[in-house]
Amino acid sequence: MSDLTRRITAMHRRDIIVAWAFVVGLWFAIIFVAIATWSLAPSSTARIVLLIGGSVVLLFNTAAILAMLRHYREDRDFMYGLDIKFLDAARAKQRGV
């Protein structure tokens, strides 16, 4: 495996981990808020509306992150290769090379 391929794989893996961490964090946050504010809802209808709203937020955000990860996987070599090229250029400029 070439150095560029190894670096692309490492960056891609790191982005996948961060994206999934955001998904898990969002789920925990929404569930926590639902539980913490359950007694504050004025009626069962309000609770149902809030649960549906929270579910829609979870569904769409999870789907969006999954779509983003699919796109990253499809164009991984181009996107990360470009990032690495600019990162290397910036490092070389800092060093004065």
PDB file of N, CA and C in Angstrom:
ATOM      1  N   MET A   1       0.853  -1.184   0.000  1.00  0.00           N
ATOM      2  CA  MET A   1       0.000   0.000   0.000  1.00  0.00           C
ATOM      3  C   MET A   1       0.890   1.235   0.000  1.00  0.00           C
ATOM      4  N   SER A   2       0.618   2.157  -0.906  1.00  0.00           N
ATOM      5  CA  SER A   2       1.429   3.373  -0.992  1.00  0.00           C
ATOM      6  C   SER A   2       1.132   4.292   0.191  1.00  0.00           C
ATOM      7  N   ASP A   3       2.028   5.239   0.396  1.00  0.00           N
ATOM      8  CA  ASP A   3       1.861   6.187   1.494  1.00  0.00           C
ATOM      9  C   ASP A   3       0.589   7.009   1.308  1.00  0.00           C
ATOM     10  N   LEU A   4       0.317   7.428   0.062  1.00  0.00           N
ATOM     11  CA  LEU A   4      -0.889   8.216  -0.202  1.00  0.00           C
ATOM     12  C   LEU A   4      -2.141   7.397   0.098  1.00  0.00           C
ATOM     13  N   THR A   5      -2.169   6.150  -0.331  1.00  0.00           N
ATOM     14  CA  THR A   5      -3.329   5.284  -0.068  1.00  0.00           C
ATOM     15  C   THR A   5      -3.514   5.068   1.427  1.00  0.00           C
ATOM     16  N   ARG A   6      -2.423   4.887   2.133  1.00  0.00           N
ATOM     17  CA  ARG A   6      -2.502   4.693   3.590  1.00  0.00           C
ATOM     18  C   ARG A   6      -3.056   5.942   4.263  1.00  0.00           C
ATOM     19  N   ARG A   7      -2.591   7.110   3.835  1.00  0.00           N
ATOM     20  CA  ARG A   7      -3.074   8.357   4.420  1.00  0.00           C
ATOM     21  C   ARG A   7      -4.540   8.596   4.086  1.00  0.00           C
ATOM     22  N   ILE A   8      -4.943   8.287   2.851  1.00  0.00           N
ATOM     23  CA  ILE A   8      -6.351   8.436   2.465  1.00  0.00           C
ATOM     24  C   ILE A   8      -7.219   7.513   3.305  1.00  0.00           C
ATOM     25  N   THR A   9      -6.801   6.275   3.468  1.00  0.00           N
ATOM     26  CA  THR A   9      -7.556   5.310   4.268  1.00  0.00           C
ATOM     27  C   THR A   9      -7.685   5.779   5.712  1.00  0.00           C
ATOM     28  N   ALA A  10      -6.599   6.307   6.278  1.00  0.00           N
ATOM     29  CA  ALA A  10      -6.631   6.781   7.666  1.00  0.00           C
ATOM     30  C   ALA A  10      -7.574   7.973   7.815  1.00  0.00           C
ATOM     31  N   MET A  11      -7.526   8.927   6.889  1.00  0.00           N
ATOM     32  CA  MET A  11      -8.415  10.089   6.967  1.00  0.00           C
ATOM     33  C   MET A  11      -9.879   9.677   6.813  1.00  0.00           C
ATOM     34  N   HIS A  12     -10.133   8.773   5.885  1.00  0.00           N
ATOM     35  CA  HIS A  12     -11.496   8.303   5.659  1.00  0.00           C
ATOM     36  C   HIS A  12     -12.028   7.582   6.896  1.00  0.00           C
ATOM     37  N   ARG A  13     -11.213   6.717   7.467  1.00  0.00           N
ATOM     38  CA  ARG A  13     -11.626   5.983   8.676  1.00  0.00           C
ATOM     39  C   ARG A  13     -11.931   6.949   9.818  1.00  0.00           C
ATOM     40  N   ARG A  14     -11.084   7.971   9.987  1.00  0.00           N
ATOM     41  CA  ARG A  14     -11.288   8.961  11.042  1.00  0.00           C
ATOM     42  C   ARG A  14     -12.596   9.721  10.822  1.00  0.00           C
ATOM     43  N   ASP A  15     -12.886  10.096   9.585  1.00  0.00           N
ATOM     44  CA  ASP A  15     -14.134  10.802   9.291  1.00  0.00           C
ATOM     45  C   ASP A  15     -15.358   9.931   9.550  1.00  0.00           C
ATOM     46  N   ILE A  16     -15.253   8.644   9.253  1.00  0.00           N
ATOM     47  CA  ILE A  16     -16.368   7.727   9.532  1.00  0.00           C
ATOM     48  C   ILE A  16     -16.622   7.655  11.033  1.00  0.00           C
ATOM     49  N   ILE A  17     -15.557   7.541  11.813  1.00  0.00           N
ATOM     50  CA  ILE A  17     -15.701   7.465  13.274  1.00  0.00           C
ATOM     51  C   ILE A  17     -16.338   8.737  13.822  1.00  0.00           C
ATOM     52  N   VAL A  18     -15.880   9.885  13.347  1.00  0.00           N
ATOM     53  CA  VAL A  18     -16.429  11.168  13.822  1.00  0.00           C
ATOM     54  C   VAL A  18     -17.903  11.299  13.424  1.00  0.00           C
ATOM     55  N   ALA A  19     -18.240  10.907  12.204  1.00  0.00           N
ATOM     56  CA  ALA A  19     -19.635  11.004  11.752  1.00  0.00           C
ATOM     57  C   ALA A  19     -20.539  10.122  12.608  1.00  0.00           C
ATOM     58  N   TRP A  20     -20.111   8.898  12.870  1.00  0.00           N
ATOM     59  CA  TRP A  20     -20.922   8.014  13.709  1.00  0.00           C
ATOM     60  C   TRP A  20     -21.005   8.527  15.151  1.00  0.00           C
ATOM     61  N   ALA A  21     -19.929   9.146  15.635  1.00  0.00           N
ATOM     62  CA  ALA A  21     -19.968   9.737  16.975  1.00  0.00           C
ATOM     63  C   ALA A  21     -21.015  10.848  17.038  1.00  0.00           C
ATOM     64  N   PHE A  22     -21.102  11.661  15.981  1.00  0.00           N
ATOM     65  CA  PHE A  22     -22.137  12.696  15.931  1.00  0.00           C
ATOM     66  C   PHE A  22     -23.536  12.082  15.922  1.00  0.00           C
ATOM     67  N   VAL A  23     -23.726  11.002  15.161  1.00  0.00           N
ATOM     68  CA  VAL A  23     -25.039  10.342  15.113  1.00  0.00           C
ATOM     69  C   VAL A  23     -25.416   9.810  16.495  1.00  0.00           C
ATOM     70  N   VAL A  24     -24.492   9.107  17.123  1.00  0.00           N
ATOM     71  CA  VAL A  24     -24.767   8.548  18.459  1.00  0.00           C
ATOM     72  C   VAL A  24     -25.019   9.680  19.455  1.00  0.00           C
ATOM     73  N   GLY A  25     -24.211  10.739  19.393  1.00  0.00           N
ATOM     74  CA  GLY A  25     -24.409  11.880  20.291  1.00  0.00           C
ATOM     75  C   GLY A  25     -25.760  12.546  20.085  1.00  0.00           C
ATOM     76  N   LEU A  26     -26.174  12.680  18.833  1.00  0.00           N
ATOM     77  CA  LEU A  26     -27.480  13.272  18.548  1.00  0.00           C
ATOM     78  C   LEU A  26     -28.599  12.409  19.123  1.00  0.00           C
ATOM     79  N   TRP A  27     -28.508  11.097  18.915  1.00  0.00           N
ATOM     80  CA  TRP A  27     -29.528  10.207  19.453  1.00  0.00           C
ATOM     81  C   TRP A  27     -29.602  10.314  20.973  1.00  0.00           C
ATOM     82  N   PHE A  28     -28.440  10.284  21.633  1.00  0.00           N
ATOM     83  CA  PHE A  28     -28.435  10.410  23.092  1.00  0.00           C
ATOM     84  C   PHE A  28     -29.012  11.747  23.531  1.00  0.00           C
ATOM     85  N   ALA A  29     -28.657  12.826  22.842  1.00  0.00           N
ATOM     86  CA  ALA A  29     -29.145  14.151  23.218  1.00  0.00           C
ATOM     87  C   ALA A  29     -30.662  14.255  23.070  1.00  0.00           C
ATOM     88  N   ILE A  30     -31.177  13.788  21.945  1.00  0.00           N
ATOM     89  CA  ILE A  30     -32.629  13.870  21.718  1.00  0.00           C
ATOM     90  C   ILE A  30     -33.390  13.007  22.735  1.00  0.00           C
ATOM     91  N   ILE A  31     -32.887  11.811  22.974  1.00  0.00           N
ATOM     92  CA  ILE A  31     -33.544  10.927  23.950  1.00  0.00           C
ATOM     93  C   ILE A  31     -33.472  11.534  25.344  1.00  0.00           C
ATOM     94  N   PHE A  32     -32.325  12.096  25.720  1.00  0.00           N
ATOM     95  CA  PHE A  32     -32.191  12.737  27.026  1.00  0.00           C
ATOM     96  C   PHE A  32     -33.167  13.895  27.171  1.00  0.00           C
ATOM     97  N   VAL A  33     -33.235  14.738  26.160  1.00  0.00           N
ATOM     98  CA  VAL A  33     -34.151  15.886  26.220  1.00  0.00           C
ATOM     99  C   VAL A  33     -35.600  15.407  26.312  1.00  0.00           C
ATOM    100  N   ALA A  34     -35.945  14.366  25.574  1.00  0.00           N
ATOM    101  CA  ALA A  34     -37.319  13.842  25.630  1.00  0.00           C
ATOM    102  C   ALA A  34     -37.654  13.351  27.037  1.00  0.00           C
ATOM    103  N   ILE A  35     -36.722  12.617  27.627  1.00  0.00           N
ATOM    104  CA  ILE A  35     -36.967  12.101  28.984  1.00  0.00           C
ATOM    105  C   ILE A  35     -36.992  13.234  30.003  1.00  0.00           C
ATOM    106  N   ALA A  36     -36.056  14.167  29.897  1.00  0.00           N
ATOM    107  CA  ALA A  36     -35.950  15.249  30.876  1.00  0.00           C
ATOM    108  C   ALA A  36     -37.121  16.221  30.821  1.00  0.00           C
ATOM    109  N   THR A  37     -37.732  16.367  29.652  1.00  0.00           N
ATOM    110  CA  THR A  37     -38.824  17.342  29.525  1.00  0.00           C
ATOM    111  C   THR A  37     -40.193  16.683  29.425  1.00  0.00           C
ATOM    112  N   TRP A  38     -40.256  15.376  29.580  1.00  0.00           N
ATOM    113  CA  TRP A  38     -41.516  14.645  29.431  1.00  0.00           C
ATOM    114  C   TRP A  38     -42.611  15.221  30.328  1.00  0.00           C
ATOM    115  N   SER A  39     -42.279  15.494  31.567  1.00  0.00           N
ATOM    116  CA  SER A  39     -43.299  15.986  32.511  1.00  0.00           C
ATOM    117  C   SER A  39     -43.672  17.445  32.259  1.00  0.00           C
ATOM    118  N   LEU A  40     -42.889  18.146  31.472  1.00  0.00           N
ATOM    119  CA  LEU A  40     -43.182  19.562  31.198  1.00  0.00           C
ATOM    120  C   LEU A  40     -44.221  19.750  30.105  1.00  0.00           C
ATOM    121  N   ALA A  41     -44.439  18.714  29.296  1.00  0.00           N
ATOM    122  CA  ALA A  41     -45.421  18.833  28.210  1.00  0.00           C
ATOM    123  C   ALA A  41     -46.815  18.983  28.823  1.00  0.00           C
ATOM    124  N   PRO A  42     -47.599  19.921  28.328  1.00  0.00           N
ATOM    125  CA  PRO A  42     -48.894  20.202  28.944  1.00  0.00           C
ATOM    126  C   PRO A  42     -49.952  19.121  28.735  1.00  0.00           C
ATOM    127  N   SER A  43     -49.788  18.284  27.706  1.00  0.00           N
ATOM    128  CA  SER A  43     -50.798  17.260  27.455  1.00  0.00           C
ATOM    129  C   SER A  43     -50.166  16.088  26.718  1.00  0.00           C
ATOM    130  N   SER A  44     -50.925  15.007  26.622  1.00  0.00           N
ATOM    131  CA  SER A  44     -50.417  13.846  25.888  1.00  0.00           C
ATOM    132  C   SER A  44     -50.298  14.158  24.386  1.00  0.00           C
ATOM    133  N   THR A  45     -51.159  15.028  23.888  1.00  0.00           N
ATOM    134  CA  THR A  45     -51.061  15.435  22.477  1.00  0.00           C
ATOM    135  C   THR A  45     -49.748  16.167  22.228  1.00  0.00           C
ATOM    136  N   ALA A  46     -49.384  17.050  23.140  1.00  0.00           N
ATOM    137  CA  ALA A  46     -48.116  17.777  23.004  1.00  0.00           C
ATOM    138  C   ALA A  46     -46.942  16.808  23.049  1.00  0.00           C
ATOM    139  N   ARG A  47     -47.023  15.804  23.910  1.00  0.00           N
ATOM    140  CA  ARG A  47     -45.952  14.803  23.986  1.00  0.00           C
ATOM    141  C   ARG A  47     -45.813  14.042  22.673  1.00  0.00           C
ATOM    142  N   ILE A  48     -46.926  13.680  22.096  1.00  0.00           N
ATOM    143  CA  ILE A  48     -46.897  12.946  20.824  1.00  0.00           C
ATOM    144  C   ILE A  48     -46.297  13.818  19.722  1.00  0.00           C
ATOM    145  N   VAL A  49     -46.708  15.078  19.678  1.00  0.00           N
ATOM    146  CA  VAL A  49     -46.165  15.997  18.669  1.00  0.00           C
ATOM    147  C   VAL A  49     -44.654  16.153  18.859  1.00  0.00           C
ATOM    148  N   LEU A  50     -44.212  16.314  20.106  1.00  0.00           N
ATOM    149  CA  LEU A  50     -42.784  16.447  20.382  1.00  0.00           C
ATOM    150  C   LEU A  50     -42.020  15.170  20.037  1.00  0.00           C
ATOM    151  N   LEU A  51     -42.588  14.017  20.318  1.00  0.00           N
ATOM    152  CA  LEU A  51     -41.937  12.749  19.968  1.00  0.00           C
ATOM    153  C   LEU A  51     -41.818  12.586  18.451  1.00  0.00           C
ATOM    154  N   ILE A  52     -42.867  12.950  17.753  1.00  0.00           N
ATOM    155  CA  ILE A  52     -42.825  12.866  16.282  1.00  0.00           C
ATOM    156  C   ILE A  52     -41.772  13.830  15.734  1.00  0.00           C
ATOM    157  N   GLY A  53     -41.742  15.046  16.255  1.00  0.00           N
ATOM    158  CA  GLY A  53     -40.745  16.026  15.811  1.00  0.00           C
ATOM    159  C   GLY A  53     -39.326  15.546  16.077  1.00  0.00           C
ATOM    160  N   GLY A  54     -39.085  15.032  17.274  1.00  0.00           N
ATOM    161  CA  GLY A  54     -37.757  14.501  17.601  1.00  0.00           C
ATOM    162  C   GLY A  54     -37.385  13.322  16.724  1.00  0.00           C
ATOM    163  N   SER A  55     -38.356  12.463  16.437  1.00  0.00           N
ATOM    164  CA  SER A  55     -38.105  11.309  15.570  1.00  0.00           C
ATOM    165  C   SER A  55     -37.753  11.743  14.151  1.00  0.00           C
ATOM    166  N   VAL A  56     -38.434  12.754  13.660  1.00  0.00           N
ATOM    167  CA  VAL A  56     -38.146  13.261  12.314  1.00  0.00           C
ATOM    168  C   VAL A  56     -36.733  13.856  12.262  1.00  0.00           C
ATOM    169  N   VAL A  57     -36.364  14.599  13.289  1.00  0.00           N
ATOM    170  CA  VAL A  57     -35.008  15.155  13.351  1.00  0.00           C
ATOM    171  C   VAL A  57     -33.976  14.032  13.342  1.00  0.00           C
ATOM    172  N   LEU A  58     -34.199  13.003  14.156  1.00  0.00           N
ATOM    173  CA  LEU A  58     -33.272  11.870  14.197  1.00  0.00           C
ATOM    174  C   LEU A  58     -33.206  11.151  12.858  1.00  0.00           C
ATOM    175  N   LEU A  59     -34.348  10.920  12.259  1.00  0.00           N
ATOM    176  CA  LEU A  59     -34.401  10.202  10.988  1.00  0.00           C
ATOM    177  C   LEU A  59     -33.656  10.958   9.887  1.00  0.00           C
ATOM    178  N   PHE A  60     -33.987  12.240   9.721  1.00  0.00           N
ATOM    179  CA  PHE A  60     -33.377  13.007   8.639  1.00  0.00           C
ATOM    180  C   PHE A  60     -31.884  13.249   8.858  1.00  0.00           C
ATOM    181  N   ASN A  61     -31.480  13.531  10.095  1.00  0.00           N
ATOM    182  CA  ASN A  61     -30.060  13.748  10.350  1.00  0.00           C
ATOM    183  C   ASN A  61     -29.254  12.468  10.176  1.00  0.00           C
ATOM    184  N   THR A  62     -29.790  11.350  10.628  1.00  0.00           N
ATOM    185  CA  THR A  62     -29.106  10.074  10.443  1.00  0.00           C
ATOM    186  C   THR A  62     -29.004   9.738   8.960  1.00  0.00           C
ATOM    187  N   ALA A  63     -30.082   9.934   8.226  1.00  0.00           N
ATOM    188  CA  ALA A  63     -30.066   9.663   6.784  1.00  0.00           C
ATOM    189  C   ALA A  63     -29.074  10.580   6.066  1.00  0.00           C
ATOM    190  N   ALA A  64     -29.004  11.827   6.469  1.00  0.00           N
ATOM    191  CA  ALA A  64     -28.078  12.773   5.834  1.00  0.00           C
ATOM    192  C   ALA A  64     -26.625  12.360   6.076  1.00  0.00           C
ATOM    193  N   ILE A  65     -26.317  11.924   7.276  1.00  0.00           N
ATOM    194  CA  ILE A  65     -24.945  11.516   7.570  1.00  0.00           C
ATOM    195  C   ILE A  65     -24.608  10.225   6.842  1.00  0.00           C
ATOM    196  N   LEU A  66     -25.558   9.305   6.742  1.00  0.00           N
ATOM    197  CA  LEU A  66     -25.321   8.085   5.968  1.00  0.00           C
ATOM    198  C   LEU A  66     -25.074   8.412   4.491  1.00  0.00           C
ATOM    199  N   ALA A  67     -25.835   9.343   3.941  1.00  0.00           N
ATOM    200  CA  ALA A  67     -25.625   9.766   2.552  1.00  0.00           C
ATOM    201  C   ALA A  67     -24.255  10.426   2.386  1.00  0.00           C
ATOM    202  N   MET A  68     -23.862  11.234   3.356  1.00  0.00           N
ATOM    203  CA  MET A  68     -22.551  11.872   3.304  1.00  0.00           C
ATOM    204  C   MET A  68     -21.443  10.818   3.318  1.00  0.00           C
ATOM    205  N   LEU A  69     -21.572   9.810   4.176  1.00  0.00           N
ATOM    206  CA  LEU A  69     -20.563   8.759   4.245  1.00  0.00           C
ATOM    207  C   LEU A  69     -20.511   7.957   2.946  1.00  0.00           C
ATOM    208  N   ARG A  70     -21.649   7.712   2.334  1.00  0.00           N
ATOM    209  CA  ARG A  70     -21.681   7.012   1.051  1.00  0.00           C
ATOM    210  C   ARG A  70     -20.953   7.833  -0.016  1.00  0.00           C
ATOM    211  N   HIS A  71     -21.207   9.129  -0.023  1.00  0.00           N
ATOM    212  CA  HIS A  71     -20.547  10.015  -0.982  1.00  0.00           C
ATOM    213  C   HIS A  71     -19.032  10.035  -0.731  1.00  0.00           C
ATOM    214  N   TYR A  72     -18.627  10.106   0.527  1.00  0.00           N
ATOM    215  CA  TYR A  72     -17.201  10.081   0.854  1.00  0.00           C
ATOM    216  C   TYR A  72     -16.555   8.796   0.358  1.00  0.00           C
ATOM    217  N   ARG A  73     -17.261   7.671   0.504  1.00  0.00           N
ATOM    218  CA  ARG A  73     -16.712   6.386   0.066  1.00  0.00           C
ATOM    219  C   ARG A  73     -16.569   6.352  -1.453  1.00  0.00           C
ATOM    220  N   GLU A  74     -17.536   6.910  -2.174  1.00  0.00           N
ATOM    221  CA  GLU A  74     -17.505   6.899  -3.639  1.00  0.00           C
ATOM    222  C   GLU A  74     -16.383   7.776  -4.201  1.00  0.00           C
ATOM    223  N   ASP A  75     -16.173   8.946  -3.605  1.00  0.00           N
ATOM    224  CA  ASP A  75     -15.195   9.912  -4.115  1.00  0.00           C
ATOM    225  C   ASP A  75     -13.982  10.046  -3.199  1.00  0.00           C
ATOM    226  N   ARG A  76     -13.731   9.026  -2.406  1.00  0.00           N
ATOM    227  CA  ARG A  76     -12.716   9.077  -1.365  1.00  0.00           C
ATOM    228  C   ARG A  76     -11.330   9.436  -1.902  1.00  0.00           C
ATOM    229  N   ASP A  77     -10.890   8.771  -2.944  1.00  0.00           N
ATOM    230  CA  ASP A  77      -9.532   9.016  -3.451  1.00  0.00           C
ATOM    231  C   ASP A  77      -9.365  10.453  -3.938  1.00  0.00           C
ATOM    232  N   PHE A  78     -10.368  10.974  -4.634  1.00  0.00           N
ATOM    233  CA  PHE A  78     -10.279  12.345  -5.133  1.00  0.00           C
ATOM    234  C   PHE A  78     -10.306  13.352  -3.986  1.00  0.00           C
ATOM    235  N   MET A  79     -11.310  13.237  -3.105  1.00  0.00           N
ATOM    236  CA  MET A  79     -11.479  14.233  -2.040  1.00  0.00           C
ATOM    237  C   MET A  79     -10.303  14.230  -1.070  1.00  0.00           C
ATOM    238  N   TYR A  80      -9.957  13.065  -0.573  1.00  0.00           N
ATOM    239  CA  TYR A  80      -8.884  13.006   0.413  1.00  0.00           C
ATOM    240  C   TYR A  80      -7.530  13.236  -0.235  1.00  0.00           C
ATOM    241  N   GLY A  81      -7.359  12.802  -1.483  1.00  0.00           N
ATOM    242  CA  GLY A  81      -6.117  13.073  -2.191  1.00  0.00           C
ATOM    243  C   GLY A  81      -5.885  14.564  -2.337  1.00  0.00           C
ATOM    244  N   LEU A  82      -6.954  15.296  -2.655  1.00  0.00           N
ATOM    245  CA  LEU A  82      -6.869  16.753  -2.767  1.00  0.00           C
ATOM    246  C   LEU A  82      -6.547  17.382  -1.417  1.00  0.00           C
ATOM    247  N   ASP A  83      -7.207  16.919  -0.359  1.00  0.00           N
ATOM    248  CA  ASP A  83      -6.919  17.422   0.989  1.00  0.00           C
ATOM    249  C   ASP A  83      -5.457  17.205   1.352  1.00  0.00           C
ATOM    250  N   ILE A  84      -4.963  16.016   1.086  1.00  0.00           N
ATOM    251  CA  ILE A  84      -3.578  15.691   1.432  1.00  0.00           C
ATOM    252  C   ILE A  84      -2.609  16.555   0.633  1.00  0.00           C
ATOM    253  N   LYS A  85      -2.929  16.785  -0.627  1.00  0.00           N
ATOM    254  CA  LYS A  85      -2.079  17.634  -1.463  1.00  0.00           C
ATOM    255  C   LYS A  85      -1.957  19.032  -0.860  1.00  0.00           C
ATOM    256  N   PHE A  86      -3.091  19.623  -0.460  1.00  0.00           N
ATOM    257  CA  PHE A  86      -3.065  20.961   0.115  1.00  0.00           C
ATOM    258  C   PHE A  86      -2.440  20.975   1.511  1.00  0.00           C
ATOM    259  N   LEU A  87      -2.662  19.931   2.304  1.00  0.00           N
ATOM    260  CA  LEU A  87      -2.020  19.843   3.619  1.00  0.00           C
ATOM    261  C   LEU A  87      -0.504  19.773   3.477  1.00  0.00           C
ATOM    262  N   ASP A  88      -0.035  18.964   2.548  1.00  0.00           N
ATOM    263  CA  ASP A  88       1.409  18.856   2.319  1.00  0.00           C
ATOM    264  C   ASP A  88       1.993  20.170   1.828  1.00  0.00           C
ATOM    265  N   ALA A  89       1.268  20.865   0.960  1.00  0.00           N
ATOM    266  CA  ALA A  89       1.730  22.161   0.461  1.00  0.00           C
ATOM    267  C   ALA A  89       1.798  23.183   1.602  1.00  0.00           C
ATOM    268  N   ALA A  90       0.800  23.180   2.474  1.00  0.00           N
ATOM    269  CA  ALA A  90       0.791  24.122   3.601  1.00  0.00           C
ATOM    270  C   ALA A  90       1.931  23.821   4.569  1.00  0.00           C
ATOM    271  N   ARG A  91       2.192  22.541   4.821  1.00  0.00           N
ATOM    272  CA  ARG A  91       3.317  22.164   5.702  1.00  0.00           C
ATOM    273  C   ARG A  91       4.649  22.585   5.095  1.00  0.00           C
ATOM    274  N   ALA A  92       4.791  22.382   3.801  1.00  0.00           N
ATOM    275  CA  ALA A  92       6.029  22.767   3.125  1.00  0.00           C
ATOM    276  C   ALA A  92       6.227  24.270   3.181  1.00  0.00           C
ATOM    277  N   LYS A  93       5.142  25.022   3.050  1.00  0.00           N
ATOM    278  CA  LYS A  93       5.228  26.488   3.118  1.00  0.00           C
ATOM    279  C   LYS A  93       5.622  26.939   4.513  1.00  0.00           C
ATOM    280  N   GLN A  94       5.076  26.287   5.554  1.00  0.00           N
ATOM    281  CA  GLN A  94       5.422  26.631   6.940  1.00  0.00           C
ATOM    282  C   GLN A  94       6.897  26.376   7.216  1.00  0.00           C
ATOM    283  N   ARG A  95       7.410  25.314   6.646  1.00  0.00           N
ATOM    284  CA  ARG A  95       8.819  24.968   6.859  1.00  0.00           C
ATOM    285  C   ARG A  95       9.749  25.835   6.018  1.00  0.00           C
ATOM    286  N   GLY A  96       9.162  26.533   5.057  1.00  0.00           N
ATOM    287  CA  GLY A  96       9.971  27.390   4.206  1.00  0.00           C
ATOM    288  C   GLY A  96      10.642  26.644   3.065  1.00  0.00           C
ATOM    289  N   VAL A  97      10.058  25.519   2.698  1.00  0.00           N
ATOM    290  CA  VAL A  97      10.632  24.708   1.619  1.00  0.00           C
ATOM    291  C   VAL A  97      10.138  25.173   0.282  1.00  0.00           C
TER     292      VAL A  97
END
